């Protein structure tokens, strides 16, 4: 019989038991079972999510995009320092200095996401 934690993390990218027996480690806390994404995957997921936002109101768009942005920055991890200038630029026009137009903001975000990914690839290859 599966535990609730095992059942809820089945078929996800969660950290498996280091002993290799195919189940989650019983001595680890649930917080230890964080999703395992790389920086590039987090950036790609952010791009997909931005493309998929269908809100008609800029405030709703901004809140959803900002939530996705914060989730991506958490997943980037150690690369965050190298990418900080681009991340701050995105956050500035997304949250603090909006132009109130969804289409132009989305287009600007997609360009900056591509630049962010290129910078992450350069930093990872160095």
C-alpha atoms as a PDB file:
ATOM      1  CA  UNK A   1       0.000   0.000   0.000  1.00  0.00           C
ATOM      2  CA  UNK A   2       1.321   3.429  -0.977  1.00  0.00           C
ATOM      3  CA  UNK A   3       1.628   6.264   1.467  1.00  0.00           C
ATOM      4  CA  UNK A   4      -0.090   9.546   0.714  1.00  0.00           C
ATOM      5  CA  UNK A   5       3.267  11.128  -0.151  1.00  0.00           C
ATOM      6  CA  UNK A   6       4.164   8.303  -2.512  1.00  0.00           C
ATOM      7  CA  UNK A   7       0.769   8.436  -4.148  1.00  0.00           C
ATOM      8  CA  UNK A   8       0.826  12.204  -4.594  1.00  0.00           C
ATOM      9  CA  UNK A   9       4.288  12.195  -6.164  1.00  0.00           C
ATOM     10  CA  UNK A  10       3.799   9.233  -8.476  1.00  0.00           C
ATOM     11  CA  UNK A  11       4.683  10.031 -12.104  1.00  0.00           C
ATOM     12  CA  UNK A  12       6.279  13.352 -11.205  1.00  0.00           C
ATOM     13  CA  UNK A  13       9.861  14.598 -11.275  1.00  0.00           C
ATOM     14  CA  UNK A  14      10.405  14.235  -7.535  1.00  0.00           C
ATOM     15  CA  UNK A  15      13.593  13.025  -5.921  1.00  0.00           C
ATOM     16  CA  UNK A  16      13.545   9.257  -5.479  1.00  0.00           C
ATOM     17  CA  UNK A  17      14.954   7.198  -2.644  1.00  0.00           C
ATOM     18  CA  UNK A  18      18.756   7.313  -2.769  1.00  0.00           C
ATOM     19  CA  UNK A  19      18.778   3.640  -1.747  1.00  0.00           C
ATOM     20  CA  UNK A  20      17.343   2.884  -5.175  1.00  0.00           C
ATOM     21  CA  UNK A  21      14.427   0.680  -4.154  1.00  0.00           C
ATOM     22  CA  UNK A  22      11.919   2.728  -6.157  1.00  0.00           C
ATOM     23  CA  UNK A  23      10.124   4.437  -3.282  1.00  0.00           C
ATOM     24  CA  UNK A  24      10.562   7.758  -1.571  1.00  0.00           C
ATOM     25  CA  UNK A  25      12.980   7.790   1.306  1.00  0.00           C
ATOM     26  CA  UNK A  26      11.017   7.349   4.563  1.00  0.00           C
ATOM     27  CA  UNK A  27      13.343   9.500   6.677  1.00  0.00           C
ATOM     28  CA  UNK A  28      13.202  12.595   4.531  1.00  0.00           C
ATOM     29  CA  UNK A  29      10.782  15.435   5.052  1.00  0.00           C
ATOM     30  CA  UNK A  30       8.187  16.228   2.345  1.00  0.00           C
ATOM     31  CA  UNK A  31       9.961  19.553   1.763  1.00  0.00           C
ATOM     32  CA  UNK A  32      13.024  17.546   0.711  1.00  0.00           C
ATOM     33  CA  UNK A  33      11.080  16.148  -2.204  1.00  0.00           C
ATOM     34  CA  UNK A  34      11.241  19.290  -4.292  1.00  0.00           C
ATOM     35  CA  UNK A  35      10.668  19.059  -8.036  1.00  0.00           C
ATOM     36  CA  UNK A  36      13.858  18.468  -9.965  1.00  0.00           C
ATOM     37  CA  UNK A  37      14.019  20.874 -12.898  1.00  0.00           C
ATOM     38  CA  UNK A  38      17.060  22.350 -14.475  1.00  0.00           C
ATOM     39  CA  UNK A  39      17.347  26.033 -15.264  1.00  0.00           C
ATOM     40  CA  UNK A  40      16.723  25.516 -18.969  1.00  0.00           C
ATOM     41  CA  UNK A  41      13.609  23.432 -18.315  1.00  0.00           C
ATOM     42  CA  UNK A  42      12.300  26.094 -15.914  1.00  0.00           C
ATOM     43  CA  UNK A  43      12.829  28.801 -18.540  1.00  0.00           C
ATOM     44  CA  UNK A  44      11.118  26.673 -21.211  1.00  0.00           C
ATOM     45  CA  UNK A  45       8.177  26.040 -18.893  1.00  0.00           C
ATOM     46  CA  UNK A  46       7.928  29.775 -18.162  1.00  0.00           C
ATOM     47  CA  UNK A  47       7.778  30.486 -21.904  1.00  0.00           C
ATOM     48  CA  UNK A  48       5.041  27.889 -22.425  1.00  0.00           C
ATOM     49  CA  UNK A  49       3.032  29.336 -19.568  1.00  0.00           C
ATOM     50  CA  UNK A  50       3.351  32.914 -20.853  1.00  0.00           C
ATOM     51  CA  UNK A  51       2.219  31.796 -24.307  1.00  0.00           C
ATOM     52  CA  UNK A  52      -0.756  30.041 -22.707  1.00  0.00           C
ATOM     53  CA  UNK A  53      -2.134  32.946 -20.667  1.00  0.00           C
ATOM     54  CA  UNK A  54      -5.524  33.912 -22.101  1.00  0.00           C
ATOM     55  CA  UNK A  55      -6.545  36.680 -19.690  1.00  0.00           C
ATOM     56  CA  UNK A  56      -8.300  39.697 -21.201  1.00  0.00           C
ATOM     57  CA  UNK A  57      -7.507  42.070 -18.344  1.00  0.00           C
ATOM     58  CA  UNK A  58      -3.934  43.307 -17.945  1.00  0.00           C
ATOM     59  CA  UNK A  59      -4.069  43.035 -14.142  1.00  0.00           C
ATOM     60  CA  UNK A  60      -5.043  39.359 -14.352  1.00  0.00           C
ATOM     61  CA  UNK A  61      -2.370  38.762 -16.990  1.00  0.00           C
ATOM     62  CA  UNK A  62       0.253  40.524 -14.872  1.00  0.00           C
ATOM     63  CA  UNK A  63      -0.607  38.539 -11.719  1.00  0.00           C
ATOM     64  CA  UNK A  64      -0.477  35.228 -13.543  1.00  0.00           C
ATOM     65  CA  UNK A  65       2.746  36.112 -15.392  1.00  0.00           C
ATOM     66  CA  UNK A  66       4.336  37.335 -12.155  1.00  0.00           C
ATOM     67  CA  UNK A  67       3.427  34.065 -10.406  1.00  0.00           C
ATOM     68  CA  UNK A  68       5.018  32.072 -13.222  1.00  0.00           C
ATOM     69  CA  UNK A  69       8.043  34.382 -13.151  1.00  0.00           C
ATOM     70  CA  UNK A  70       8.582  33.827  -9.418  1.00  0.00           C
ATOM     71  CA  UNK A  71       8.240  30.057  -9.822  1.00  0.00           C
ATOM     72  CA  UNK A  72      10.830  30.111 -12.603  1.00  0.00           C
ATOM     73  CA  UNK A  73      13.312  32.166 -10.563  1.00  0.00           C
ATOM     74  CA  UNK A  74      13.022  29.668  -7.706  1.00  0.00           C
ATOM     75  CA  UNK A  75      13.756  26.781 -10.073  1.00  0.00           C
ATOM     76  CA  UNK A  76      16.757  28.487 -11.698  1.00  0.00           C
ATOM     77  CA  UNK A  77      18.718  28.154  -8.467  1.00  0.00           C
ATOM     78  CA  UNK A  78      22.455  28.897  -8.637  1.00  0.00           C
ATOM     79  CA  UNK A  79      22.198  30.402 -12.128  1.00  0.00           C
ATOM     80  CA  UNK A  80      20.071  33.187 -10.682  1.00  0.00           C
ATOM     81  CA  UNK A  81      23.161  35.305  -9.923  1.00  0.00           C
ATOM     82  CA  UNK A  82      24.425  35.140 -13.502  1.00  0.00           C
ATOM     83  CA  UNK A  83      20.978  35.898 -14.887  1.00  0.00           C
ATOM     84  CA  UNK A  84      20.029  38.547 -12.328  1.00  0.00           C
ATOM     85  CA  UNK A  85      20.291  41.588 -14.664  1.00  0.00           C
ATOM     86  CA  UNK A  86      17.899  40.041 -17.205  1.00  0.00           C
ATOM     87  CA  UNK A  87      15.566  38.796 -14.456  1.00  0.00           C
ATOM     88  CA  UNK A  88      15.390  42.259 -12.879  1.00  0.00           C
ATOM     89  CA  UNK A  89      14.698  43.814 -16.270  1.00  0.00           C
ATOM     90  CA  UNK A  90      11.801  41.404 -16.858  1.00  0.00           C
ATOM     91  CA  UNK A  91      10.404  41.952 -13.380  1.00  0.00           C
ATOM     92  CA  UNK A  92      10.647  45.722 -13.738  1.00  0.00           C
ATOM     93  CA  UNK A  93       8.482  46.015 -16.839  1.00  0.00           C
ATOM     94  CA  UNK A  94       6.225  43.131 -15.897  1.00  0.00           C
ATOM     95  CA  UNK A  95       5.319  44.302 -12.417  1.00  0.00           C
ATOM     96  CA  UNK A  96       6.605  47.770 -11.618  1.00  0.00           C
ATOM     97  CA  UNK A  97       6.402  49.703 -14.915  1.00  0.00           C
ATOM     98  CA  UNK A  98       3.608  48.077 -16.922  1.00  0.00           C
ATOM     99  CA  UNK A  99       2.453  49.500 -20.244  1.00  0.00           C
ATOM    100  CA  UNK A 100      -1.056  48.036 -19.758  1.00  0.00           C
ATOM    101  CA  UNK A 101      -1.042  46.223 -23.116  1.00  0.00           C
ATOM    102  CA  UNK A 102      -1.105  42.426 -22.919  1.00  0.00           C
ATOM    103  CA  UNK A 103       0.032  41.705 -26.487  1.00  0.00           C
ATOM    104  CA  UNK A 104       3.083  43.971 -26.450  1.00  0.00           C
ATOM    105  CA  UNK A 105       4.069  42.806 -22.947  1.00  0.00           C
ATOM    106  CA  UNK A 106       3.735  39.147 -23.991  1.00  0.00           C
ATOM    107  CA  UNK A 107       5.839  39.783 -27.133  1.00  0.00           C
ATOM    108  CA  UNK A 108       8.484  41.574 -25.066  1.00  0.00           C
ATOM    109  CA  UNK A 109       8.479  38.760 -22.508  1.00  0.00           C
ATOM    110  CA  UNK A 110       8.927  36.085 -25.180  1.00  0.00           C
ATOM    111  CA  UNK A 111      11.929  37.921 -26.651  1.00  0.00           C
ATOM    112  CA  UNK A 112      13.482  38.330 -23.203  1.00  0.00           C
ATOM    113  CA  UNK A 113      12.779  34.702 -22.313  1.00  0.00           C
ATOM    114  CA  UNK A 114      14.689  33.624 -25.429  1.00  0.00           C
ATOM    115  CA  UNK A 115      17.573  35.922 -24.425  1.00  0.00           C
ATOM    116  CA  UNK A 116      17.436  34.584 -20.867  1.00  0.00           C
ATOM    117  CA  UNK A 117      17.643  31.016 -22.151  1.00  0.00           C
ATOM    118  CA  UNK A 118      20.620  31.881 -24.370  1.00  0.00           C
ATOM    119  CA  UNK A 119      22.392  33.479 -21.404  1.00  0.00           C
ATOM    120  CA  UNK A 120      21.646  30.417 -19.254  1.00  0.00           C
ATOM    121  CA  UNK A 121      23.038  28.112 -21.945  1.00  0.00           C
ATOM    122  CA  UNK A 122      26.231  30.205 -22.123  1.00  0.00           C
ATOM    123  CA  UNK A 123      26.625  30.144 -18.359  1.00  0.00           C
ATOM    124  CA  UNK A 124      26.019  26.390 -18.177  1.00  0.00           C
ATOM    125  CA  UNK A 125      28.539  25.672 -20.938  1.00  0.00           C
ATOM    126  CA  UNK A 126      31.269  27.774 -19.286  1.00  0.00           C
END
